[in-house]
Amino acid sequence: MIFSEQTYRFMYAALQEAEKAIEDNEVPVGAVVVKDNKIIGRGYNQVVRLRDATAHAEMIALTAASNYIGEWRLEGASIFVTLEPCTMCTGALLAARVSELYFASYDTKFGACGSLYNLAEDGRTNHTIKVYSGVYADESKKMLQKFFNDIRRRTN
């Protein structure tokens, strides 16, 4: 699928957030929330840094976006994430009423937007999210593989 130039620009911003996670020795996942073609929230994984299992990139970006607009409902907003969201993050995206989700790489172990589950587009909930995948998928996958290969090398 060919995406718009803006879509690539916003996913590139999410990849930059993922690079911040690497600097903190965190799993390199980044996210940005966009509304009216403007980034209103940014986040990257900070589970280790904050000692908080819920400190995923999406959760931090949602909080930043909600604080920015002064509202927990993010209707009309899109989120760009470098890795398919897990069940926790997908639940938060649904609760926040995010309209669109763009993610780079599938997460075959924890993904809840097409891999293991598709909670985002499940019509049984009171809200659904339009999901798009594959934007900068190779770049995201390489970043994740390098991170985990580096960890394996250090522990051996």
N, C-alpha and C. Protein backbone atom coordinates (compact mmCIF):
# COMPACT_ATOMS: atom_id res chain seq x y z
N MET A 1 0.85 -1.18 0.00
CA MET A 1 0.00 0.00 0.00
C MET A 1 0.89 1.24 0.00
N ILE A 2 0.51 2.19 -0.79
CA ILE A 2 1.22 3.47 -0.84
C ILE A 2 0.51 4.42 0.12
N PHE A 3 1.29 5.07 0.95
CA PHE A 3 0.73 6.02 1.92
C PHE A 3 1.08 7.44 1.50
N SER A 4 0.40 8.40 2.07
CA SER A 4 0.66 9.80 1.77
C SER A 4 2.00 10.23 2.36
N GLU A 5 2.51 11.32 1.84
CA GLU A 5 3.76 11.88 2.35
C GLU A 5 3.64 12.21 3.83
N GLN A 6 2.48 12.73 4.24
CA GLN A 6 2.26 13.06 5.65
C GLN A 6 2.31 11.81 6.52
N THR A 7 1.75 10.73 6.04
CA THR A 7 1.77 9.48 6.80
C THR A 7 3.21 9.05 7.06
N TYR A 8 4.04 9.12 6.05
CA TYR A 8 5.45 8.76 6.22
C TYR A 8 6.15 9.73 7.18
N ARG A 9 5.80 11.00 7.08
CA ARG A 9 6.42 12.00 7.95
C ARG A 9 6.07 11.72 9.42
N PHE A 10 4.81 11.41 9.68
CA PHE A 10 4.41 11.15 11.07
C PHE A 10 5.01 9.84 11.59
N MET A 11 5.08 8.81 10.72
CA MET A 11 5.70 7.56 11.18
C MET A 11 7.19 7.75 11.40
N TYR A 12 7.81 8.59 10.60
CA TYR A 12 9.23 8.90 10.82
C TYR A 12 9.42 9.55 12.19
N ALA A 13 8.49 10.41 12.58
CA ALA A 13 8.55 11.03 13.91
C ALA A 13 8.42 9.95 15.00
N ALA A 14 7.58 8.95 14.76
CA ALA A 14 7.46 7.84 15.72
C ALA A 14 8.76 7.04 15.79
N LEU A 15 9.41 6.83 14.64
CA LEU A 15 10.71 6.14 14.63
C LEU A 15 11.75 6.93 15.42
N GLN A 16 11.70 8.26 15.35
CA GLN A 16 12.61 9.08 16.14
C GLN A 16 12.37 8.90 17.63
N GLU A 17 11.11 8.75 18.00
CA GLU A 17 10.78 8.47 19.41
C GLU A 17 11.35 7.11 19.82
N ALA A 18 11.25 6.13 18.93
CA ALA A 18 11.79 4.79 19.22
C ALA A 18 13.29 4.85 19.45
N GLU A 19 13.98 5.73 18.72
CA GLU A 19 15.43 5.88 18.93
C GLU A 19 15.74 6.41 20.32
N LYS A 20 14.86 7.23 20.87
CA LYS A 20 15.03 7.71 22.26
C LYS A 20 14.96 6.54 23.24
N ALA A 21 14.09 5.59 22.93
CA ALA A 21 13.98 4.40 23.79
C ALA A 21 15.29 3.63 23.81
N ILE A 22 15.93 3.50 22.65
CA ILE A 22 17.21 2.79 22.57
C ILE A 22 18.24 3.46 23.48
N GLU A 23 18.26 4.80 23.47
CA GLU A 23 19.20 5.54 24.31
C GLU A 23 19.00 5.23 25.79
N ASP A 24 17.76 4.88 26.18
CA ASP A 24 17.45 4.52 27.57
C ASP A 24 17.49 3.01 27.80
N ASN A 25 17.98 2.26 26.81
CA ASN A 25 18.04 0.80 26.88
C ASN A 25 16.64 0.19 27.07
N GLU A 26 15.68 0.80 26.38
CA GLU A 26 14.29 0.32 26.39
C GLU A 26 13.99 -0.31 25.04
N VAL A 27 13.00 -1.17 24.99
CA VAL A 27 12.56 -1.74 23.72
C VAL A 27 12.17 -0.58 22.80
N PRO A 28 12.74 -0.52 21.59
CA PRO A 28 12.54 0.64 20.73
C PRO A 28 11.18 0.70 20.04
N VAL A 29 10.24 1.25 20.78
CA VAL A 29 8.92 1.51 20.24
C VAL A 29 8.62 2.98 20.49
N GLY A 30 8.14 3.66 19.44
CA GLY A 30 7.78 5.06 19.55
C GLY A 30 6.40 5.30 19.00
N ALA A 31 5.78 6.39 19.46
CA ALA A 31 4.43 6.72 19.02
C ALA A 31 4.24 8.23 18.98
N VAL A 32 3.43 8.68 18.04
CA VAL A 32 2.99 10.07 18.01
C VAL A 32 1.49 10.10 17.75
N VAL A 33 0.80 11.03 18.40
CA VAL A 33 -0.62 11.25 18.19
C VAL A 33 -0.75 12.53 17.36
N VAL A 34 -1.59 12.45 16.34
CA VAL A 34 -1.75 13.56 15.40
C VAL A 34 -3.23 13.95 15.33
N LYS A 35 -3.46 15.25 15.38
CA LYS A 35 -4.81 15.77 15.18
C LYS A 35 -4.70 17.04 14.35
N ASP A 36 -5.53 17.15 13.35
CA ASP A 36 -5.50 18.31 12.45
C ASP A 36 -4.10 18.52 11.86
N ASN A 37 -3.47 17.40 11.48
CA ASN A 37 -2.15 17.40 10.84
C ASN A 37 -1.04 17.97 11.73
N LYS A 38 -1.23 17.91 13.03
CA LYS A 38 -0.23 18.40 13.97
C LYS A 38 0.03 17.33 15.03
N ILE A 39 1.29 17.11 15.36
CA ILE A 39 1.62 16.17 16.43
C ILE A 39 1.25 16.82 17.76
N ILE A 40 0.36 16.15 18.50
CA ILE A 40 -0.08 16.69 19.79
C ILE A 40 0.38 15.83 20.97
N GLY A 41 1.01 14.71 20.68
CA GLY A 41 1.52 13.86 21.75
C GLY A 41 2.62 12.95 21.23
N ARG A 42 3.64 12.76 22.02
CA ARG A 42 4.77 11.90 21.67
C ARG A 42 5.04 10.95 22.83
N GLY A 43 5.56 9.77 22.49
CA GLY A 43 5.93 8.84 23.55
C GLY A 43 6.85 7.76 23.03
N TYR A 44 7.62 7.21 23.94
CA TYR A 44 8.45 6.05 23.65
C TYR A 44 8.45 5.17 24.88
N ASN A 45 8.80 3.89 24.69
CA ASN A 45 8.77 2.96 25.81
C ASN A 45 9.65 3.45 26.95
N GLN A 46 9.08 3.42 28.16
CA GLN A 46 9.82 3.84 29.35
C GLN A 46 9.52 2.90 30.53
N VAL A 47 9.29 1.64 30.20
CA VAL A 47 8.94 0.65 31.22
C VAL A 47 10.05 0.51 32.27
N VAL A 48 11.29 0.39 31.81
CA VAL A 48 12.41 0.21 32.73
C VAL A 48 12.67 1.50 33.50
N ARG A 49 12.74 2.60 32.77
CA ARG A 49 13.04 3.90 33.39
C ARG A 49 12.04 4.26 34.49
N LEU A 50 10.76 4.07 34.20
CA LEU A 50 9.71 4.45 35.16
C LEU A 50 9.31 3.32 36.09
N ARG A 51 9.88 2.13 35.86
CA ARG A 51 9.53 0.94 36.64
C ARG A 51 8.01 0.74 36.64
N ASP A 52 7.46 0.79 35.42
CA ASP A 52 6.01 0.77 35.24
C ASP A 52 5.67 -0.05 34.00
N ALA A 53 5.03 -1.18 34.20
CA ALA A 53 4.68 -2.06 33.08
C ALA A 53 3.72 -1.41 32.09
N THR A 54 3.05 -0.35 32.49
CA THR A 54 2.11 0.32 31.59
C THR A 54 2.75 1.47 30.81
N ALA A 55 4.02 1.71 30.98
CA ALA A 55 4.69 2.86 30.35
C ALA A 55 5.11 2.56 28.92
N HIS A 56 4.15 2.07 28.13
CA HIS A 56 4.40 1.81 26.72
C HIS A 56 4.32 3.14 25.95
N ALA A 57 4.92 3.16 24.78
CA ALA A 57 4.97 4.36 23.95
C ALA A 57 3.57 4.93 23.71
N GLU A 58 2.62 4.06 23.40
CA GLU A 58 1.27 4.51 23.10
C GLU A 58 0.62 5.18 24.31
N MET A 59 0.81 4.60 25.48
CA MET A 59 0.19 5.14 26.70
C MET A 59 0.75 6.54 27.00
N ILE A 60 2.04 6.68 26.84
CA ILE A 60 2.68 7.97 27.12
C ILE A 60 2.23 9.01 26.08
N ALA A 61 2.15 8.60 24.82
CA ALA A 61 1.71 9.53 23.77
C ALA A 61 0.24 9.93 23.97
N LEU A 62 -0.61 8.99 24.37
CA LEU A 62 -2.02 9.32 24.64
C LEU A 62 -2.14 10.32 25.78
N THR A 63 -1.40 10.10 26.84
CA THR A 63 -1.43 11.02 27.98
C THR A 63 -0.96 12.41 27.56
N ALA A 64 0.13 12.47 26.80
CA ALA A 64 0.64 13.77 26.33
C ALA A 64 -0.40 14.47 25.45
N ALA A 65 -1.05 13.72 24.56
CA ALA A 65 -2.05 14.31 23.67
C ALA A 65 -3.25 14.82 24.46
N SER A 66 -3.71 14.03 25.41
CA SER A 66 -4.85 14.44 26.23
C SER A 66 -4.52 15.69 27.04
N ASN A 67 -3.32 15.73 27.59
CA ASN A 67 -2.90 16.91 28.33
C ASN A 67 -2.82 18.13 27.41
N TYR A 68 -2.35 17.92 26.19
CA TYR A 68 -2.20 19.02 25.24
C TYR A 68 -3.55 19.66 24.90
N ILE A 69 -4.56 18.82 24.62
CA ILE A 69 -5.86 19.38 24.24
C ILE A 69 -6.79 19.58 25.43
N GLY A 70 -6.41 19.07 26.61
CA GLY A 70 -7.24 19.24 27.79
C GLY A 70 -8.50 18.40 27.78
N GLU A 71 -8.41 17.25 27.16
CA GLU A 71 -9.57 16.37 27.00
C GLU A 71 -9.09 14.93 26.85
N TRP A 72 -9.78 13.99 27.50
CA TRP A 72 -9.36 12.59 27.39
C TRP A 72 -9.85 11.96 26.10
N ARG A 73 -10.90 12.51 25.52
CA ARG A 73 -11.39 11.97 24.25
C ARG A 73 -10.54 12.52 23.11
N LEU A 74 -10.00 11.63 22.31
CA LEU A 74 -9.14 12.02 21.19
C LEU A 74 -9.82 11.73 19.86
N GLU A 75 -11.11 12.00 19.79
CA GLU A 75 -11.86 11.78 18.56
C GLU A 75 -11.24 12.61 17.43
N GLY A 76 -11.12 11.99 16.27
CA GLY A 76 -10.53 12.66 15.13
C GLY A 76 -9.02 12.61 15.11
N ALA A 77 -8.42 11.99 16.11
CA ALA A 77 -6.96 11.87 16.18
C ALA A 77 -6.51 10.54 15.59
N SER A 78 -5.27 10.56 15.10
CA SER A 78 -4.62 9.34 14.61
C SER A 78 -3.39 9.10 15.45
N ILE A 79 -3.01 7.83 15.59
CA ILE A 79 -1.77 7.50 16.28
C ILE A 79 -0.89 6.71 15.33
N PHE A 80 0.38 7.01 15.37
CA PHE A 80 1.40 6.36 14.55
C PHE A 80 2.34 5.66 15.51
N VAL A 81 2.48 4.33 15.37
CA VAL A 81 3.27 3.53 16.30
C VAL A 81 4.20 2.63 15.50
N THR A 82 5.41 2.46 15.99
CA THR A 82 6.39 1.67 15.26
C THR A 82 6.19 0.17 15.40
N LEU A 83 5.34 -0.26 16.33
CA LEU A 83 5.05 -1.67 16.52
C LEU A 83 3.57 -1.83 16.82
N GLU A 84 2.97 -2.87 16.29
CA GLU A 84 1.56 -3.14 16.53
C GLU A 84 1.25 -3.10 18.03
N PRO A 85 0.24 -2.34 18.43
CA PRO A 85 -0.10 -2.24 19.85
C PRO A 85 -0.55 -3.56 20.47
N CYS A 86 -0.24 -3.71 21.76
CA CYS A 86 -0.66 -4.87 22.55
C CYS A 86 -2.12 -4.68 22.99
N THR A 87 -2.66 -5.63 23.73
CA THR A 87 -4.05 -5.54 24.18
C THR A 87 -4.27 -4.34 25.11
N MET A 88 -3.33 -4.08 26.01
CA MET A 88 -3.47 -2.95 26.93
C MET A 88 -3.55 -1.64 26.16
N CYS A 89 -2.61 -1.45 25.25
CA CYS A 89 -2.55 -0.20 24.49
C CYS A 89 -3.74 -0.06 23.56
N THR A 90 -4.16 -1.15 22.94
CA THR A 90 -5.33 -1.09 22.07
C THR A 90 -6.57 -0.72 22.87
N GLY A 91 -6.70 -1.27 24.07
CA GLY A 91 -7.81 -0.90 24.94
C GLY A 91 -7.80 0.59 25.25
N ALA A 92 -6.63 1.14 25.51
CA ALA A 92 -6.51 2.57 25.78
C ALA A 92 -6.86 3.40 24.55
N LEU A 93 -6.43 2.94 23.38
CA LEU A 93 -6.75 3.66 22.14
C LEU A 93 -8.26 3.67 21.91
N LEU A 94 -8.91 2.55 22.18
CA LEU A 94 -10.36 2.47 22.05
C LEU A 94 -11.04 3.38 23.07
N ALA A 95 -10.59 3.35 24.30
CA ALA A 95 -11.19 4.18 25.35
C ALA A 95 -11.04 5.66 25.04
N ALA A 96 -9.92 6.04 24.44
CA ALA A 96 -9.65 7.43 24.11
C ALA A 96 -10.37 7.87 22.83
N ARG A 97 -11.01 6.93 22.15
CA ARG A 97 -11.75 7.20 20.92
C ARG A 97 -10.86 7.67 19.76
N VAL A 98 -9.62 7.15 19.72
CA VAL A 98 -8.73 7.45 18.60
C VAL A 98 -9.40 6.94 17.32
N SER A 99 -9.29 7.70 16.25
CA SER A 99 -9.98 7.35 15.00
C SER A 99 -9.18 6.41 14.10
N GLU A 100 -7.88 6.65 14.01
CA GLU A 100 -7.04 5.86 13.10
C GLU A 100 -5.76 5.44 13.79
N LEU A 101 -5.31 4.24 13.44
CA LEU A 101 -4.04 3.70 13.92
C LEU A 101 -3.20 3.32 12.71
N TYR A 102 -1.98 3.82 12.68
CA TYR A 102 -0.99 3.41 11.69
C TYR A 102 0.14 2.76 12.46
N PHE A 103 0.50 1.54 12.09
CA PHE A 103 1.67 0.94 12.74
C PHE A 103 2.61 0.38 11.70
N ALA A 104 3.87 0.29 12.09
CA ALA A 104 4.92 -0.15 11.16
C ALA A 104 4.95 -1.67 11.08
N SER A 105 5.42 -2.31 12.14
CA SER A 105 5.65 -3.77 12.14
C SER A 105 4.57 -4.49 12.94
N TYR A 106 4.26 -5.69 12.47
CA TYR A 106 3.37 -6.57 13.23
C TYR A 106 4.13 -7.13 14.43
N ASP A 107 3.40 -7.35 15.52
CA ASP A 107 3.95 -7.99 16.72
C ASP A 107 3.27 -9.35 16.86
N THR A 108 3.93 -10.39 16.38
CA THR A 108 3.31 -11.72 16.34
C THR A 108 3.18 -12.37 17.71
N LYS A 109 3.79 -11.79 18.74
CA LYS A 109 3.68 -12.37 20.08
C LYS A 109 2.65 -11.66 20.95
N PHE A 110 2.45 -10.36 20.74
CA PHE A 110 1.55 -9.60 21.60
C PHE A 110 0.55 -8.72 20.85
N GLY A 111 0.61 -8.69 19.53
CA GLY A 111 -0.19 -7.76 18.75
C GLY A 111 -1.69 -7.96 18.87
N ALA A 112 -2.40 -6.85 19.04
CA ALA A 112 -3.85 -6.91 19.21
C ALA A 112 -4.60 -6.14 18.13
N CYS A 113 -3.91 -5.86 17.00
CA CYS A 113 -4.55 -5.11 15.91
C CYS A 113 -4.36 -5.83 14.58
N GLY A 114 -4.36 -7.17 14.64
CA GLY A 114 -4.24 -7.94 13.42
C GLY A 114 -3.43 -9.21 13.55
N SER A 115 -2.49 -9.26 14.48
CA SER A 115 -1.66 -10.46 14.62
C SER A 115 -2.37 -11.54 15.41
N LEU A 116 -2.45 -11.37 16.72
CA LEU A 116 -3.13 -12.35 17.57
C LEU A 116 -4.63 -12.07 17.65
N TYR A 117 -4.95 -10.80 17.73
CA TYR A 117 -6.33 -10.33 17.83
C TYR A 117 -6.48 -9.13 16.91
N ASN A 118 -7.71 -8.70 16.74
CA ASN A 118 -7.95 -7.42 16.07
C ASN A 118 -8.99 -6.65 16.88
N LEU A 119 -8.60 -6.25 18.06
CA LEU A 119 -9.50 -5.54 18.96
C LEU A 119 -9.90 -4.18 18.41
N ALA A 120 -9.00 -3.55 17.68
CA ALA A 120 -9.25 -2.20 17.19
C ALA A 120 -10.45 -2.14 16.24
N GLU A 121 -10.64 -3.17 15.44
CA GLU A 121 -11.72 -3.16 14.45
C GLU A 121 -12.85 -4.12 14.81
N ASP A 122 -12.88 -4.59 16.03
CA ASP A 122 -13.91 -5.52 16.49
C ASP A 122 -15.22 -4.76 16.69
N GLY A 123 -16.21 -5.06 15.90
CA GLY A 123 -17.48 -4.35 15.94
C GLY A 123 -18.31 -4.57 17.19
N ARG A 124 -17.87 -5.43 18.09
CA ARG A 124 -18.64 -5.68 19.31
C ARG A 124 -18.44 -4.60 20.36
N THR A 125 -17.46 -3.72 20.16
CA THR A 125 -17.23 -2.65 21.12
C THR A 125 -17.97 -1.39 20.67
N ASN A 126 -18.03 -0.39 21.56
CA ASN A 126 -18.77 0.83 21.24
C ASN A 126 -17.99 1.77 20.33
N HIS A 127 -16.76 1.43 20.02
CA HIS A 127 -15.91 2.26 19.16
C HIS A 127 -14.99 1.34 18.38
N THR A 128 -14.66 1.70 17.17
CA THR A 128 -13.66 0.97 16.40
C THR A 128 -12.64 1.96 15.85
N ILE A 129 -11.48 1.43 15.53
CA ILE A 129 -10.38 2.23 15.01
C ILE A 129 -10.02 1.68 13.63
N LYS A 130 -9.88 2.56 12.68
CA LYS A 130 -9.42 2.15 11.35
C LYS A 130 -7.92 1.89 11.43
N VAL A 131 -7.48 0.71 11.00
CA VAL A 131 -6.09 0.28 11.15
C VAL A 131 -5.39 0.21 9.80
N TYR A 132 -4.17 0.76 9.77
CA TYR A 132 -3.29 0.69 8.60
C TYR A 132 -1.94 0.17 9.09
N SER A 133 -1.33 -0.70 8.32
CA SER A 133 -0.05 -1.27 8.74
C SER A 133 0.97 -1.21 7.61
N GLY A 134 2.24 -1.34 7.99
CA GLY A 134 3.30 -1.46 7.01
C GLY A 134 4.09 -0.21 6.72
N VAL A 135 3.75 0.92 7.34
CA VAL A 135 4.47 2.17 7.09
C VAL A 135 5.85 2.07 7.77
N TYR A 136 6.91 2.10 6.99
CA TYR A 136 8.28 1.94 7.49
C TYR A 136 8.46 0.64 8.28
N ALA A 137 7.81 -0.42 7.83
CA ALA A 137 7.88 -1.71 8.52
C ALA A 137 9.30 -2.25 8.58
N ASP A 138 10.05 -2.17 7.50
CA ASP A 138 11.42 -2.70 7.49
C ASP A 138 12.31 -1.96 8.47
N GLU A 139 12.18 -0.64 8.51
CA GLU A 139 13.00 0.16 9.42
C GLU A 139 12.70 -0.18 10.88
N SER A 140 11.43 -0.33 11.19
CA SER A 140 11.04 -0.68 12.55
C SER A 140 11.54 -2.07 12.93
N LYS A 141 11.34 -3.01 12.02
CA LYS A 141 11.76 -4.39 12.28
C LYS A 141 13.27 -4.48 12.50
N LYS A 142 14.05 -3.79 11.67
CA LYS A 142 15.50 -3.80 11.81
C LYS A 142 15.94 -3.19 13.14
N MET A 143 15.28 -2.11 13.54
CA MET A 143 15.61 -1.47 14.82
C MET A 143 15.36 -2.44 15.99
N LEU A 144 14.22 -3.12 15.95
CA LEU A 144 13.89 -4.08 17.00
C LEU A 144 14.86 -5.26 17.00
N GLN A 145 15.15 -5.81 15.82
CA GLN A 145 16.07 -6.95 15.73
C GLN A 145 17.46 -6.58 16.24
N LYS A 146 17.95 -5.43 15.86
CA LYS A 146 19.27 -4.99 16.33
C LYS A 146 19.28 -4.84 17.84
N PHE A 147 18.24 -4.24 18.40
CA PHE A 147 18.15 -4.06 19.85
C PHE A 147 18.23 -5.40 20.57
N PHE A 148 17.41 -6.37 20.14
CA PHE A 148 17.40 -7.67 20.82
C PHE A 148 18.67 -8.47 20.55
N ASN A 149 19.25 -8.36 19.36
CA ASN A 149 20.53 -9.03 19.10
C ASN A 149 21.64 -8.45 19.98
N ASP A 150 21.65 -7.13 20.17
CA ASP A 150 22.62 -6.50 21.06
C ASP A 150 22.47 -6.98 22.49
N ILE A 151 21.26 -7.14 22.94
CA ILE A 151 21.01 -7.64 24.30
C ILE A 151 21.54 -9.07 24.43
N ARG A 152 21.26 -9.91 23.43
CA ARG A 152 21.74 -11.30 23.47
C ARG A 152 23.26 -11.35 23.50
N ARG A 153 23.91 -10.51 22.73
CA ARG A 153 25.37 -10.48 22.72
C ARG A 153 25.95 -10.07 24.08
N ARG A 154 25.31 -9.12 24.72
CA ARG A 154 25.78 -8.65 26.03
C ARG A 154 25.59 -9.70 27.13
N THR A 155 24.56 -10.52 27.00
CA THR A 155 24.26 -11.50 28.06
C THR A 155 25.01 -12.82 27.84
N ASN A 156 25.61 -13.00 26.69
CA ASN A 156 26.35 -14.26 26.43
C ASN A 156 27.82 -14.12 26.74
